[in-house]
Amino acid sequence: MPTYTKQLLYFQCFSCCILLNVGNITAQNLVPNGDFELHTDCPNDLAQIYNADYWFNATNATSDYFNVCDTTEIASVPNNFLGIQNAQSGNAYAGIYIGGTGGTPYREFIEVELSETLKAGWPYTLKWYTNLSDNSSCTPSIISGYLANELMTTSTTSFLEQSSLVEQTITILNANSLIDTANWYQVNACFIATG
């Protein structure tokens, strides 16, 4: 029987910024509610990412939403079902299961619609913070962000079935950045949009 290990990550402050003027660098955040502070209801269990305004599951998986307003300590901040972790800023963050060894393959993805369409040929920075949960028994070697030309909402499994919609994949290969269970790690990826 294979040994089953799991990788669970917390996320916060996911943003996609555009450089509007090379001479005078300013940025516009295109990710609504990137810090997960806005919510319709407080989470009181796992699998409630839908309570964070604008965010939802990209597949038929069970992504989590954590907020200090939860009093059960299942989906609270800092103490919750996956361990102890303060928010990188504010009061909330999201959690996803990104993989494991042994057992049935399974992944979780969170999705948000950008406030504007990316412009082909323009430079962007994709930035988010990640933290490995205390209850993870292994660490990821890579983590990716996907940019798609349509919402990915029709998948019936925990895997992205609509790969034809993916315009760009932003992959971070620095495994050392994904092993810290105490501190948040900032992930930055600069890229030229395809549209």
N, C-alpha and C. Protein backbone atom coordinates (compact mmCIF):
# COMPACT_ATOMS: atom_id res chain seq x y z
N MET A 1 0.84 -1.18 0.00
CA MET A 1 0.00 0.00 0.00
C MET A 1 0.90 1.25 0.00
N PRO A 2 0.62 2.22 -0.90
CA PRO A 2 1.46 3.41 -0.96
C PRO A 2 1.25 4.31 0.25
N THR A 3 2.29 5.02 0.63
CA THR A 3 2.18 6.03 1.68
C THR A 3 1.52 7.26 1.08
N TYR A 4 0.56 7.82 1.77
CA TYR A 4 -0.17 8.97 1.26
C TYR A 4 0.32 10.22 1.99
N THR A 5 0.81 11.18 1.25
CA THR A 5 1.22 12.46 1.82
C THR A 5 0.44 13.56 1.14
N LYS A 6 0.34 14.70 1.78
CA LYS A 6 -0.48 15.78 1.24
C LYS A 6 0.25 17.11 1.27
N GLN A 7 -0.14 17.97 0.34
CA GLN A 7 0.38 19.32 0.25
C GLN A 7 -0.79 20.28 0.34
N LEU A 8 -0.79 21.11 1.34
CA LEU A 8 -1.87 22.08 1.53
C LEU A 8 -1.25 23.46 1.62
N LEU A 9 -1.74 24.40 0.84
CA LEU A 9 -1.19 25.74 0.84
C LEU A 9 -2.25 26.76 1.19
N TYR A 10 -1.82 27.83 1.87
CA TYR A 10 -2.64 28.99 2.10
C TYR A 10 -2.26 30.04 1.07
N PHE A 11 -3.20 30.87 0.63
CA PHE A 11 -2.93 31.94 -0.31
C PHE A 11 -3.53 33.24 0.17
N GLN A 12 -2.83 34.34 -0.15
CA GLN A 12 -3.38 35.65 0.13
C GLN A 12 -2.77 36.68 -0.81
N CYS A 13 -3.52 37.73 -1.05
CA CYS A 13 -3.09 38.88 -1.84
C CYS A 13 -2.68 38.50 -3.25
N PHE A 14 -3.48 37.69 -3.88
CA PHE A 14 -3.26 37.32 -5.27
C PHE A 14 -3.59 38.54 -6.12
N SER A 15 -2.66 38.98 -6.94
CA SER A 15 -2.93 40.16 -7.76
C SER A 15 -2.27 40.04 -9.11
N CYS A 16 -2.84 40.72 -10.05
CA CYS A 16 -2.27 40.82 -11.37
C CYS A 16 -2.23 42.30 -11.70
N CYS A 17 -1.06 42.84 -11.83
CA CYS A 17 -0.92 44.28 -12.03
C CYS A 17 -0.37 44.57 -13.42
N ILE A 18 -0.80 45.68 -13.96
CA ILE A 18 -0.31 46.10 -15.27
C ILE A 18 0.58 47.32 -15.09
N LEU A 19 1.67 47.36 -15.82
CA LEU A 19 2.50 48.55 -15.85
C LEU A 19 1.89 49.49 -16.89
N LEU A 20 1.35 50.59 -16.43
CA LEU A 20 0.60 51.47 -17.33
C LEU A 20 1.50 52.39 -18.14
N ASN A 21 2.63 52.75 -17.60
CA ASN A 21 3.51 53.68 -18.30
C ASN A 21 4.93 53.37 -17.90
N VAL A 22 5.76 53.01 -18.86
CA VAL A 22 7.14 52.62 -18.54
C VAL A 22 7.92 53.78 -17.95
N GLY A 23 7.69 55.01 -18.42
CA GLY A 23 8.41 56.16 -17.90
C GLY A 23 7.99 56.50 -16.48
N ASN A 24 6.71 56.40 -16.19
CA ASN A 24 6.19 56.68 -14.86
C ASN A 24 5.47 55.41 -14.41
N ILE A 25 6.16 54.54 -13.70
CA ILE A 25 5.62 53.22 -13.38
C ILE A 25 4.53 53.34 -12.32
N THR A 26 3.32 52.96 -12.73
CA THR A 26 2.20 52.85 -11.81
C THR A 26 1.56 51.50 -12.06
N ALA A 27 0.83 51.02 -11.10
CA ALA A 27 0.22 49.70 -11.24
C ALA A 27 -1.25 49.77 -10.89
N GLN A 28 -2.01 48.92 -11.54
CA GLN A 28 -3.43 48.80 -11.28
C GLN A 28 -3.72 47.34 -10.96
N ASN A 29 -4.31 47.07 -9.80
CA ASN A 29 -4.63 45.71 -9.43
C ASN A 29 -5.88 45.26 -10.17
N LEU A 30 -5.77 44.16 -10.90
CA LEU A 30 -6.89 43.65 -11.69
C LEU A 30 -7.61 42.50 -11.01
N VAL A 31 -7.20 42.14 -9.79
CA VAL A 31 -7.82 41.03 -9.06
C VAL A 31 -8.74 41.59 -7.98
N PRO A 32 -10.05 41.43 -8.14
CA PRO A 32 -10.95 41.91 -7.10
C PRO A 32 -10.85 41.06 -5.83
N ASN A 33 -10.85 41.71 -4.69
CA ASN A 33 -10.81 41.04 -3.38
C ASN A 33 -9.60 40.10 -3.26
N GLY A 34 -8.45 40.57 -3.70
CA GLY A 34 -7.24 39.76 -3.66
C GLY A 34 -6.78 39.40 -2.26
N ASP A 35 -7.23 40.12 -1.26
CA ASP A 35 -6.85 39.79 0.12
C ASP A 35 -7.94 39.00 0.84
N PHE A 36 -9.02 38.66 0.14
CA PHE A 36 -10.12 37.83 0.66
C PHE A 36 -10.85 38.46 1.84
N GLU A 37 -10.72 39.78 2.00
CA GLU A 37 -11.36 40.46 3.12
C GLU A 37 -12.87 40.58 2.93
N LEU A 38 -13.32 40.80 1.71
CA LEU A 38 -14.76 40.96 1.44
C LEU A 38 -15.42 39.59 1.42
N HIS A 39 -16.53 39.46 2.14
CA HIS A 39 -17.19 38.16 2.19
C HIS A 39 -18.70 38.33 2.40
N THR A 40 -19.45 37.38 1.86
CA THR A 40 -20.90 37.40 2.03
C THR A 40 -21.30 36.82 3.37
N ASP A 41 -20.63 35.75 3.77
CA ASP A 41 -20.86 35.10 5.06
C ASP A 41 -19.53 34.66 5.64
N CYS A 42 -19.48 34.55 6.95
CA CYS A 42 -18.29 33.99 7.58
C CYS A 42 -18.25 32.49 7.31
N PRO A 43 -17.06 31.96 7.02
CA PRO A 43 -16.97 30.50 6.87
C PRO A 43 -17.19 29.84 8.22
N ASN A 44 -17.77 28.66 8.23
CA ASN A 44 -17.91 27.90 9.48
C ASN A 44 -17.55 26.44 9.26
N ASP A 45 -16.96 26.16 8.10
CA ASP A 45 -16.54 24.81 7.76
C ASP A 45 -15.55 24.92 6.60
N LEU A 46 -15.00 23.80 6.19
CA LEU A 46 -14.12 23.79 5.03
C LEU A 46 -14.95 23.88 3.75
N ALA A 47 -14.30 24.05 2.62
CA ALA A 47 -14.93 24.04 1.29
C ALA A 47 -15.91 25.20 1.10
N GLN A 48 -15.58 26.39 1.63
CA GLN A 48 -16.50 27.52 1.51
C GLN A 48 -15.87 28.74 0.86
N ILE A 49 -15.04 28.53 -0.17
CA ILE A 49 -14.41 29.65 -0.86
C ILE A 49 -15.47 30.58 -1.45
N TYR A 50 -16.65 30.07 -1.74
CA TYR A 50 -17.74 30.88 -2.30
C TYR A 50 -18.17 32.00 -1.36
N ASN A 51 -17.80 31.94 -0.08
CA ASN A 51 -18.12 33.03 0.85
C ASN A 51 -17.22 34.24 0.66
N ALA A 52 -16.07 34.08 0.01
CA ALA A 52 -15.18 35.21 -0.30
C ALA A 52 -15.69 35.83 -1.60
N ASP A 53 -16.07 37.09 -1.54
CA ASP A 53 -16.63 37.77 -2.72
C ASP A 53 -15.71 37.63 -3.92
N TYR A 54 -16.29 37.33 -5.08
CA TYR A 54 -15.65 37.20 -6.39
C TYR A 54 -14.92 35.88 -6.61
N TRP A 55 -14.62 35.11 -5.58
CA TRP A 55 -13.83 33.89 -5.71
C TRP A 55 -14.73 32.65 -5.77
N PHE A 56 -14.27 31.63 -6.49
CA PHE A 56 -15.02 30.38 -6.59
C PHE A 56 -14.09 29.26 -7.00
N ASN A 57 -14.58 28.04 -6.93
CA ASN A 57 -13.81 26.88 -7.37
C ASN A 57 -13.79 26.81 -8.89
N ALA A 58 -12.61 26.54 -9.44
CA ALA A 58 -12.50 26.38 -10.89
C ALA A 58 -12.88 24.97 -11.31
N THR A 59 -12.94 24.06 -10.37
CA THR A 59 -13.28 22.66 -10.66
C THR A 59 -14.30 22.19 -9.64
N ASN A 60 -14.57 20.92 -9.63
CA ASN A 60 -15.50 20.34 -8.68
C ASN A 60 -14.78 19.96 -7.38
N ALA A 61 -13.80 20.75 -7.00
CA ALA A 61 -13.02 20.49 -5.79
C ALA A 61 -13.56 21.34 -4.64
N THR A 62 -12.90 21.29 -3.49
CA THR A 62 -13.42 21.92 -2.27
C THR A 62 -12.43 22.89 -1.66
N SER A 63 -12.14 23.98 -2.34
CA SER A 63 -11.21 24.99 -1.84
C SER A 63 -11.77 25.66 -0.59
N ASP A 64 -10.87 26.12 0.26
CA ASP A 64 -11.27 26.61 1.58
C ASP A 64 -11.11 28.11 1.71
N TYR A 65 -11.92 28.68 2.61
CA TYR A 65 -11.86 30.09 2.94
C TYR A 65 -11.72 30.20 4.45
N PHE A 66 -10.70 30.97 4.89
CA PHE A 66 -10.42 31.13 6.31
C PHE A 66 -10.57 32.61 6.68
N ASN A 67 -11.24 32.87 7.82
CA ASN A 67 -11.46 34.25 8.23
C ASN A 67 -11.58 34.29 9.76
N VAL A 68 -11.09 35.37 10.37
CA VAL A 68 -11.16 35.50 11.82
C VAL A 68 -12.59 35.50 12.34
N CYS A 69 -13.56 35.79 11.50
CA CYS A 69 -14.95 35.83 11.96
C CYS A 69 -15.51 34.44 12.27
N ASP A 70 -14.85 33.37 11.82
CA ASP A 70 -15.30 32.01 12.15
C ASP A 70 -14.98 31.73 13.62
N THR A 71 -15.95 31.26 14.35
CA THR A 71 -15.75 30.97 15.78
C THR A 71 -15.56 29.49 16.07
N THR A 72 -15.58 28.64 15.04
CA THR A 72 -15.49 27.19 15.24
C THR A 72 -14.06 26.67 15.31
N GLU A 73 -13.09 27.47 14.86
CA GLU A 73 -11.70 27.07 14.70
C GLU A 73 -11.53 25.99 13.64
N ILE A 74 -12.54 25.78 12.81
CA ILE A 74 -12.38 24.92 11.63
C ILE A 74 -11.83 25.75 10.48
N ALA A 75 -12.43 26.94 10.27
CA ALA A 75 -12.02 27.81 9.17
C ALA A 75 -11.66 29.20 9.69
N SER A 76 -11.11 29.25 10.89
CA SER A 76 -10.78 30.52 11.51
C SER A 76 -9.34 30.92 11.21
N VAL A 77 -8.99 32.11 11.61
CA VAL A 77 -7.63 32.64 11.54
C VAL A 77 -7.30 33.15 12.92
N PRO A 78 -6.19 32.79 13.53
CA PRO A 78 -5.10 31.98 13.00
C PRO A 78 -5.28 30.47 13.19
N ASN A 79 -6.08 30.04 14.17
CA ASN A 79 -6.23 28.61 14.43
C ASN A 79 -7.33 28.03 13.55
N ASN A 80 -7.00 26.95 12.83
CA ASN A 80 -8.00 26.30 11.98
C ASN A 80 -7.66 24.83 11.80
N PHE A 81 -8.46 24.16 11.04
CA PHE A 81 -8.34 22.72 10.81
C PHE A 81 -6.96 22.32 10.26
N LEU A 82 -6.31 23.21 9.52
CA LEU A 82 -5.03 22.89 8.88
C LEU A 82 -3.82 23.33 9.69
N GLY A 83 -4.02 23.97 10.82
CA GLY A 83 -2.89 24.39 11.64
C GLY A 83 -3.10 25.78 12.19
N ILE A 84 -1.99 26.49 12.36
CA ILE A 84 -2.03 27.85 12.88
C ILE A 84 -1.33 28.76 11.88
N GLN A 85 -2.03 29.78 11.39
CA GLN A 85 -1.42 30.74 10.48
C GLN A 85 -2.18 32.05 10.53
N ASN A 86 -1.46 33.13 10.87
CA ASN A 86 -2.04 34.46 10.78
C ASN A 86 -2.17 34.84 9.31
N ALA A 87 -3.07 35.75 9.02
CA ALA A 87 -3.19 36.27 7.66
C ALA A 87 -1.93 37.07 7.34
N GLN A 88 -1.54 37.08 6.09
CA GLN A 88 -0.38 37.86 5.67
C GLN A 88 -0.66 39.34 5.93
N SER A 89 -1.89 39.75 5.71
CA SER A 89 -2.38 41.07 6.09
C SER A 89 -3.89 40.93 6.28
N GLY A 90 -4.46 41.75 7.09
CA GLY A 90 -5.91 41.68 7.29
C GLY A 90 -6.35 40.49 8.11
N ASN A 91 -7.52 39.90 7.72
CA ASN A 91 -8.18 38.89 8.53
C ASN A 91 -8.48 37.58 7.82
N ALA A 92 -8.10 37.42 6.56
CA ALA A 92 -8.58 36.25 5.82
C ALA A 92 -7.55 35.76 4.80
N TYR A 93 -7.75 34.52 4.36
CA TYR A 93 -6.97 33.93 3.27
C TYR A 93 -7.70 32.70 2.74
N ALA A 94 -7.21 32.17 1.63
CA ALA A 94 -7.80 30.97 1.02
C ALA A 94 -6.83 29.82 1.21
N GLY A 95 -7.34 28.60 1.12
CA GLY A 95 -6.51 27.41 1.22
C GLY A 95 -6.88 26.41 0.14
N ILE A 96 -5.86 25.80 -0.46
CA ILE A 96 -6.11 24.78 -1.48
C ILE A 96 -5.20 23.59 -1.25
N TYR A 97 -5.68 22.44 -1.66
CA TYR A 97 -4.92 21.20 -1.65
C TYR A 97 -4.30 21.09 -3.04
N ILE A 98 -2.98 21.04 -3.12
CA ILE A 98 -2.35 21.08 -4.44
C ILE A 98 -1.74 19.77 -4.88
N GLY A 99 -1.76 18.75 -4.06
CA GLY A 99 -1.25 17.47 -4.54
C GLY A 99 -0.81 16.57 -3.41
N GLY A 100 -0.43 15.39 -3.78
CA GLY A 100 0.03 14.41 -2.83
C GLY A 100 0.70 13.26 -3.54
N THR A 101 1.26 12.37 -2.77
CA THR A 101 1.87 11.17 -3.33
C THR A 101 1.10 9.97 -2.79
N GLY A 102 0.87 8.99 -3.63
CA GLY A 102 0.06 7.85 -3.23
C GLY A 102 -1.41 8.25 -3.21
N GLY A 103 -2.29 7.32 -3.11
CA GLY A 103 -3.72 7.64 -3.06
C GLY A 103 -4.26 8.12 -4.39
N THR A 104 -5.49 8.55 -4.41
CA THR A 104 -6.15 9.04 -5.61
C THR A 104 -5.69 10.46 -5.92
N PRO A 105 -5.32 10.75 -7.17
CA PRO A 105 -4.90 12.12 -7.53
C PRO A 105 -6.02 13.12 -7.29
N TYR A 106 -5.67 14.27 -6.76
CA TYR A 106 -6.67 15.29 -6.43
C TYR A 106 -5.97 16.65 -6.38
N ARG A 107 -6.64 17.71 -6.86
CA ARG A 107 -6.13 19.07 -6.81
C ARG A 107 -7.29 20.02 -6.52
N GLU A 108 -6.95 21.18 -5.96
CA GLU A 108 -7.93 22.24 -5.79
C GLU A 108 -7.41 23.51 -6.46
N PHE A 109 -8.32 24.27 -7.04
CA PHE A 109 -7.99 25.52 -7.73
C PHE A 109 -8.99 26.57 -7.27
N ILE A 110 -8.51 27.80 -7.08
CA ILE A 110 -9.43 28.90 -6.84
C ILE A 110 -9.38 29.80 -8.08
N GLU A 111 -10.50 30.44 -8.37
CA GLU A 111 -10.59 31.23 -9.59
C GLU A 111 -11.27 32.55 -9.29
N VAL A 112 -10.83 33.57 -10.03
CA VAL A 112 -11.44 34.89 -9.94
C VAL A 112 -11.39 35.50 -11.35
N GLU A 113 -12.43 36.25 -11.69
CA GLU A 113 -12.44 36.94 -12.98
C GLU A 113 -11.73 38.28 -12.80
N LEU A 114 -10.74 38.55 -13.65
CA LEU A 114 -10.03 39.83 -13.59
C LEU A 114 -10.99 40.97 -13.91
N SER A 115 -10.71 42.14 -13.37
CA SER A 115 -11.60 43.28 -13.59
C SER A 115 -11.47 43.85 -15.00
N GLU A 116 -10.39 43.51 -15.70
CA GLU A 116 -10.19 43.94 -17.08
C GLU A 116 -9.51 42.83 -17.85
N THR A 117 -9.72 42.82 -19.16
CA THR A 117 -9.04 41.86 -20.03
C THR A 117 -7.58 42.28 -20.18
N LEU A 118 -6.68 41.31 -20.14
CA LEU A 118 -5.26 41.61 -20.35
C LEU A 118 -5.04 41.98 -21.81
N LYS A 119 -4.11 42.90 -22.04
CA LYS A 119 -3.82 43.37 -23.40
C LYS A 119 -2.62 42.60 -23.96
N ALA A 120 -2.79 42.03 -25.13
CA ALA A 120 -1.73 41.26 -25.77
C ALA A 120 -0.49 42.13 -25.97
N GLY A 121 0.68 41.58 -25.61
CA GLY A 121 1.94 42.27 -25.78
C GLY A 121 2.31 43.21 -24.64
N TRP A 122 1.45 43.34 -23.65
CA TRP A 122 1.73 44.24 -22.53
C TRP A 122 2.38 43.47 -21.38
N PRO A 123 3.27 44.13 -20.63
CA PRO A 123 3.90 43.47 -19.47
C PRO A 123 2.98 43.50 -18.25
N TYR A 124 2.94 42.39 -17.53
CA TYR A 124 2.16 42.26 -16.30
C TYR A 124 3.01 41.57 -15.25
N THR A 125 2.62 41.76 -14.00
CA THR A 125 3.21 41.03 -12.89
C THR A 125 2.11 40.29 -12.17
N LEU A 126 2.29 39.00 -12.00
CA LEU A 126 1.36 38.18 -11.23
C LEU A 126 2.01 37.97 -9.87
N LYS A 127 1.31 38.37 -8.80
CA LYS A 127 1.92 38.31 -7.47
C LYS A 127 0.92 37.71 -6.48
N TRP A 128 1.42 36.80 -5.64
CA TRP A 128 0.61 36.29 -4.55
C TRP A 128 1.52 35.84 -3.43
N TYR A 129 0.93 35.57 -2.28
CA TYR A 129 1.67 35.08 -1.11
C TYR A 129 1.22 33.65 -0.83
N THR A 130 2.15 32.82 -0.41
CA THR A 130 1.82 31.44 -0.12
C THR A 130 2.48 31.01 1.19
N ASN A 131 1.87 30.02 1.81
CA ASN A 131 2.38 29.48 3.06
C ASN A 131 1.96 28.02 3.12
N LEU A 132 2.87 27.14 3.42
CA LEU A 132 2.57 25.72 3.55
C LEU A 132 1.88 25.47 4.88
N SER A 133 0.76 24.77 4.86
CA SER A 133 0.02 24.55 6.11
C SER A 133 0.80 23.62 7.05
N ASP A 134 0.53 23.75 8.33
CA ASP A 134 1.18 22.91 9.35
C ASP A 134 0.89 21.43 9.13
N ASN A 135 -0.27 21.10 8.58
CA ASN A 135 -0.68 19.71 8.41
C ASN A 135 -0.22 19.08 7.10
N SER A 136 0.62 19.78 6.35
CA SER A 136 1.16 19.19 5.12
C SER A 136 2.24 18.19 5.47
N SER A 137 2.22 17.06 4.80
CA SER A 137 3.24 16.04 5.07
C SER A 137 4.29 15.97 3.96
N CYS A 138 4.15 16.81 2.95
CA CYS A 138 5.19 16.93 1.91
C CYS A 138 5.11 18.34 1.36
N THR A 139 6.10 18.71 0.56
CA THR A 139 6.14 20.06 0.02
C THR A 139 6.05 20.02 -1.50
N PRO A 140 5.42 21.03 -2.10
CA PRO A 140 5.32 21.06 -3.56
C PRO A 140 6.65 21.45 -4.18
N SER A 141 6.90 20.97 -5.39
CA SER A 141 8.11 21.35 -6.10
C SER A 141 7.84 22.52 -7.03
N ILE A 142 6.60 22.70 -7.47
CA ILE A 142 6.22 23.84 -8.31
C ILE A 142 4.82 24.29 -7.93
N ILE A 143 4.51 25.51 -8.32
CA ILE A 143 3.14 26.02 -8.19
C ILE A 143 2.90 26.89 -9.41
N SER A 144 1.69 26.85 -9.93
CA SER A 144 1.39 27.57 -11.16
C SER A 144 0.13 28.40 -11.03
N GLY A 145 0.10 29.47 -11.79
CA GLY A 145 -1.09 30.27 -11.99
C GLY A 145 -1.48 30.15 -13.45
N TYR A 146 -2.76 30.05 -13.72
CA TYR A 146 -3.25 29.91 -15.08
C TYR A 146 -4.05 31.15 -15.47
N LEU A 147 -3.82 31.63 -16.67
CA LEU A 147 -4.60 32.73 -17.22
C LEU A 147 -5.41 32.16 -18.37
N ALA A 148 -6.72 32.31 -18.30
CA ALA A 148 -7.60 31.72 -19.30
C ALA A 148 -8.45 32.80 -19.95
N ASN A 149 -8.93 32.50 -21.16
CA ASN A 149 -9.74 33.48 -21.87
C ASN A 149 -11.23 33.36 -21.55
N GLU A 150 -11.60 32.38 -20.75
CA GLU A 150 -12.98 32.21 -20.29
C GLU A 150 -12.94 31.64 -18.87
N LEU A 151 -14.03 31.80 -18.14
CA LEU A 151 -14.11 31.20 -16.82
C LEU A 151 -14.11 29.68 -16.95
N MET A 152 -13.44 29.01 -16.03
CA MET A 152 -13.34 27.56 -16.06
C MET A 152 -14.30 26.99 -15.03
N THR A 153 -15.56 26.92 -15.39
CA THR A 153 -16.58 26.55 -14.40
C THR A 153 -17.31 25.27 -14.73
N THR A 154 -16.99 24.60 -15.81
CA THR A 154 -17.76 23.42 -16.19
C THR A 154 -17.05 22.11 -15.90
N SER A 155 -15.90 22.16 -15.26
CA SER A 155 -15.19 20.93 -14.95
C SER A 155 -15.98 20.11 -13.93
N THR A 156 -16.01 18.81 -14.11
CA THR A 156 -16.76 17.95 -13.18
C THR A 156 -15.84 17.13 -12.29
N THR A 157 -14.54 17.33 -12.41
CA THR A 157 -13.58 16.62 -11.57
C THR A 157 -12.74 17.64 -10.82
N SER A 158 -11.71 17.17 -10.15
CA SER A 158 -10.82 18.10 -9.46
C SER A 158 -9.65 18.54 -10.35
N PHE A 159 -9.65 18.15 -11.62
CA PHE A 159 -8.60 18.55 -12.54
C PHE A 159 -9.14 19.53 -13.57
N LEU A 160 -8.27 20.39 -14.08
CA LEU A 160 -8.70 21.34 -15.09
C LEU A 160 -8.92 20.62 -16.41
N GLU A 161 -10.17 20.47 -16.78
CA GLU A 161 -10.50 19.76 -18.02
C GLU A 161 -10.53 20.68 -19.22
N GLN A 162 -10.58 21.97 -19.01
CA GLN A 162 -10.70 22.91 -20.10
C GLN A 162 -9.34 23.52 -20.45
N SER A 163 -8.33 22.69 -20.63
CA SER A 163 -6.99 23.20 -20.88
C SER A 163 -6.93 24.02 -22.16
N SER A 164 -7.88 23.84 -23.07
CA SER A 164 -7.89 24.63 -24.29
C SER A 164 -8.15 26.11 -24.00
N LEU A 165 -8.74 26.42 -22.84
CA LEU A 165 -9.00 27.80 -22.48
C LEU A 165 -7.77 28.51 -21.92
N VAL A 166 -6.77 27.76 -21.47
CA VAL A 166 -5.59 28.36 -20.85
C VAL A 166 -4.76 29.08 -21.90
N GLU A 167 -4.62 30.37 -21.70
CA GLU A 167 -3.81 31.18 -22.61
C GLU A 167 -2.35 31.16 -22.19
N GLN A 168 -2.09 31.25 -20.90
CA GLN A 168 -0.73 31.28 -20.38
C GLN A 168 -0.67 30.55 -19.05
N THR A 169 0.46 29.92 -18.79
CA THR A 169 0.72 29.29 -17.51
C THR A 169 1.93 29.96 -16.90
N ILE A 170 1.80 30.44 -15.68
CA ILE A 170 2.89 31.07 -14.95
C ILE A 170 3.32 30.07 -13.88
N THR A 171 4.51 29.50 -14.02
CA THR A 171 4.97 28.46 -13.10
C THR A 171 6.15 28.96 -12.28
N ILE A 172 6.11 28.70 -10.99
CA ILE A 172 7.19 29.04 -10.07
C ILE A 172 7.88 27.74 -9.69
N LEU A 173 9.18 27.65 -9.96
CA LEU A 173 9.91 26.41 -9.72
C LEU A 173 10.77 26.42 -8.47
N ASN A 174 10.74 27.49 -7.69
CA ASN A 174 11.58 27.61 -6.51
C ASN A 174 10.97 26.85 -5.34
N ALA A 175 11.31 25.58 -5.22
CA ALA A 175 10.73 24.73 -4.17
C ALA A 175 11.06 25.24 -2.78
N ASN A 176 12.21 25.87 -2.60
CA ASN A 176 12.59 26.36 -1.27
C ASN A 176 11.60 27.39 -0.75
N SER A 177 10.93 28.10 -1.65
CA SER A 177 10.00 29.14 -1.24
C SER A 177 8.68 28.56 -0.75
N LEU A 178 8.43 27.29 -0.98
CA LEU A 178 7.13 26.71 -0.66
C LEU A 178 7.18 25.76 0.53
N ILE A 179 8.23 25.83 1.35
CA ILE A 179 8.36 24.89 2.46
C ILE A 179 8.13 25.52 3.83
N ASP A 180 7.96 26.82 3.89
CA ASP A 180 7.84 27.51 5.17
C ASP A 180 6.41 27.42 5.70
N THR A 181 6.27 26.89 6.91
CA THR A 181 4.94 26.81 7.53
C THR A 181 4.69 27.99 8.48
N ALA A 182 5.69 28.80 8.73
CA ALA A 182 5.53 29.91 9.67
C ALA A 182 5.32 31.25 8.96
N ASN A 183 6.05 31.47 7.88
CA ASN A 183 6.05 32.77 7.22
C ASN A 183 5.41 32.70 5.83
N TRP A 184 4.87 33.84 5.43
CA TRP A 184 4.32 33.96 4.08
C TRP A 184 5.46 34.24 3.11
N TYR A 185 5.38 33.66 1.93
CA TYR A 185 6.38 33.88 0.89
C TYR A 185 5.72 34.57 -0.28
N GLN A 186 6.33 35.67 -0.74
CA GLN A 186 5.79 36.39 -1.87
C GLN A 186 6.26 35.76 -3.18
N VAL A 187 5.33 35.44 -4.05
CA VAL A 187 5.62 34.88 -5.36
C VAL A 187 5.37 35.96 -6.39
N ASN A 188 6.35 36.26 -7.22
CA ASN A 188 6.23 37.25 -8.28
C ASN A 188 6.57 36.62 -9.61
N ALA A 189 5.80 36.88 -10.62
CA ALA A 189 6.10 36.41 -11.96
C ALA A 189 5.78 37.50 -12.95
N CYS A 190 6.79 37.94 -13.70
CA CYS A 190 6.57 38.94 -14.75
C CYS A 190 6.37 38.22 -16.07
N PHE A 191 5.45 38.69 -16.87
CA PHE A 191 5.18 38.04 -18.15
C PHE A 191 4.58 39.03 -19.14
N ILE A 192 4.64 38.66 -20.41
CA ILE A 192 4.01 39.44 -21.46
C ILE A 192 2.71 38.72 -21.82
N ALA A 193 1.59 39.41 -21.73
CA ALA A 193 0.29 38.80 -21.96
C ALA A 193 0.09 38.45 -23.43
N THR A 194 -0.58 37.33 -23.65
CA THR A 194 -0.94 36.94 -25.02
C THR A 194 -2.33 37.46 -25.38
N GLY A 195 -3.02 38.00 -24.43
CA GLY A 195 -4.35 38.56 -24.67
C GLY A 195 -5.29 38.22 -23.56
